[in-house]
Amino acid sequence: MTYKNYTAHIEYSEDGGCFVGRIAGIRDIITFDGESVQEIKKAFEEAVDFYLTSCAKKGDTPNRPFTGRFMVRTSPELHSAIAMAAKRTIRASTLGSLRYVAKWPIFIKVQ
């Protein structure tokens, strides 16, 4: 479930007999609950709105959810080796065959 780019992580609580959720992918802890799908959806949206409003009132910048981008700093040599391998239509799952050795040279095994 997503609202304003925030994603909900929802589980069913046997003890409480209801759905409990929290906003996933941010450092702040924001929880909500509901007894039905409609209630948990409404509670999630209210929690996001309350969080954004509260941050604005306090002058805080709200945590932004993960973007799906993963930035990594690496050496130019490794970057080049990965780019060359990608041009050979290497799949992400095949990157396990990329052998990174602490010292150069870099060895790439393309299957």
Protein backbone atom coordinates (compact mmCIF):
# COMPACT_ATOMS: atom_id res chain seq x y z
CA MET A 1 0.00 0.00 0.00
CA THR A 2 1.47 3.34 -1.04
CA TYR A 3 0.42 6.92 -0.33
CA LYS A 4 2.35 10.10 -1.21
CA ASN A 5 5.39 7.93 -2.03
CA TYR A 6 5.38 6.33 1.44
CA THR A 7 4.91 2.56 1.67
CA ALA A 8 3.10 0.69 4.42
CA HIS A 9 4.33 -2.54 5.98
CA ILE A 10 1.21 -4.27 7.32
CA GLU A 11 0.75 -7.45 9.36
CA TYR A 12 -2.17 -9.10 11.10
CA SER A 13 -2.01 -9.22 14.90
CA GLU A 14 -3.51 -12.41 16.33
CA ASP A 15 -3.35 -10.90 19.82
CA GLY A 16 -5.11 -7.66 18.89
CA GLY A 17 -7.39 -9.15 16.26
CA CYS A 18 -6.53 -6.30 13.91
CA PHE A 19 -4.09 -5.15 11.27
CA VAL A 20 -1.05 -3.23 12.45
CA GLY A 21 1.28 -1.29 10.21
CA ARG A 22 4.20 1.03 10.07
CA ILE A 23 5.65 3.28 7.40
CA ALA A 24 8.52 1.40 5.78
CA GLY A 25 11.77 2.77 4.44
CA ILE A 26 12.24 5.76 6.74
CA ARG A 27 14.18 6.27 9.98
CA ASP A 28 11.24 7.69 11.96
CA ILE A 29 8.88 5.12 13.48
CA ILE A 30 5.24 5.73 12.54
CA THR A 31 2.63 3.09 13.33
CA PHE A 32 -1.09 2.73 12.70
CA ASP A 33 -3.79 0.06 12.98
CA GLY A 34 -7.24 -0.90 11.76
CA GLU A 35 -9.72 -3.74 11.96
CA SER A 36 -10.40 -3.97 8.23
CA VAL A 37 -8.63 -3.27 4.97
CA GLN A 38 -10.56 -0.03 4.62
CA GLU A 39 -9.67 1.04 8.17
CA ILE A 40 -5.97 0.22 7.85
CA LYS A 41 -5.81 2.10 4.53
CA LYS A 42 -7.47 5.15 6.06
CA ALA A 43 -5.23 4.95 9.16
CA PHE A 44 -2.14 4.71 6.96
CA GLU A 45 -3.11 7.79 4.94
CA GLU A 46 -3.94 9.71 8.14
CA ALA A 47 -0.57 8.70 9.64
CA VAL A 48 1.33 9.96 6.58
CA ASP A 49 -0.63 13.23 6.54
CA PHE A 50 -0.14 13.72 10.29
CA TYR A 51 3.60 13.00 9.97
CA LEU A 52 4.05 15.49 7.13
CA THR A 53 1.98 18.15 8.93
CA SER A 54 3.86 17.62 12.20
CA CYS A 55 7.22 17.94 10.48
CA ALA A 56 6.10 21.15 8.74
CA LYS A 57 4.87 22.67 12.02
CA LYS A 58 8.18 21.88 13.75
CA GLY A 59 10.24 23.02 10.79
CA ASP A 60 11.73 19.53 10.40
CA THR A 61 12.41 17.88 7.08
CA PRO A 62 10.42 14.64 6.89
CA ASN A 63 12.30 11.45 6.13
CA ARG A 64 11.85 10.55 2.50
CA PRO A 65 11.20 6.96 1.53
CA PHE A 66 13.77 4.94 -0.37
CA THR A 67 13.92 5.94 -4.02
CA GLY A 68 15.08 2.66 -5.48
CA ARG A 69 18.39 4.22 -6.43
CA PHE A 70 21.48 2.74 -4.88
CA MET A 71 24.53 4.98 -5.10
CA VAL A 72 27.94 3.41 -4.69
CA ARG A 73 31.34 5.02 -4.90
CA THR A 74 33.96 2.85 -6.51
CA SER A 75 37.22 3.13 -8.35
CA PRO A 76 37.20 4.16 -12.01
CA GLU A 77 38.70 0.77 -12.92
CA LEU A 78 35.88 -1.20 -11.28
CA HIS A 79 33.26 1.14 -12.73
CA SER A 80 34.70 0.62 -16.20
CA ALA A 81 34.82 -3.15 -15.77
CA ILE A 82 31.17 -3.27 -14.66
CA ALA A 83 30.10 -1.02 -17.55
CA MET A 84 31.89 -3.25 -20.07
CA ALA A 85 30.25 -6.33 -18.57
CA ALA A 86 26.84 -4.62 -18.72
CA LYS A 87 27.31 -3.98 -22.43
CA ARG A 88 27.53 -7.75 -22.83
CA THR A 89 24.00 -7.97 -21.40
CA ILE A 90 25.06 -9.32 -18.07
CA ARG A 91 22.16 -9.87 -15.69
CA ALA A 92 22.13 -8.52 -12.15
CA SER A 93 22.03 -12.09 -10.81
CA THR A 94 25.20 -12.84 -12.74
CA LEU A 95 27.07 -10.07 -10.96
CA GLY A 96 27.85 -12.70 -8.34
CA SER A 97 30.44 -13.97 -10.78
CA LEU A 98 32.14 -10.58 -10.66
CA ARG A 99 35.23 -11.21 -8.62
CA TYR A 100 36.42 -8.19 -6.72
CA VAL A 101 39.93 -8.58 -5.44
CA ALA A 102 41.35 -6.04 -3.01
CA LYS A 103 44.24 -5.45 -5.40
CA TRP A 104 44.00 -4.95 -9.12
CA PRO A 105 43.55 -6.37 -11.68
CA ILE A 106 39.78 -6.86 -11.70
CA PHE A 107 38.59 -10.16 -13.08
CA ILE A 108 35.13 -10.49 -14.58
CA LYS A 109 33.83 -13.89 -15.54
CA VAL A 110 30.99 -13.58 -18.04
CA GLN A 111 29.04 -16.80 -18.52
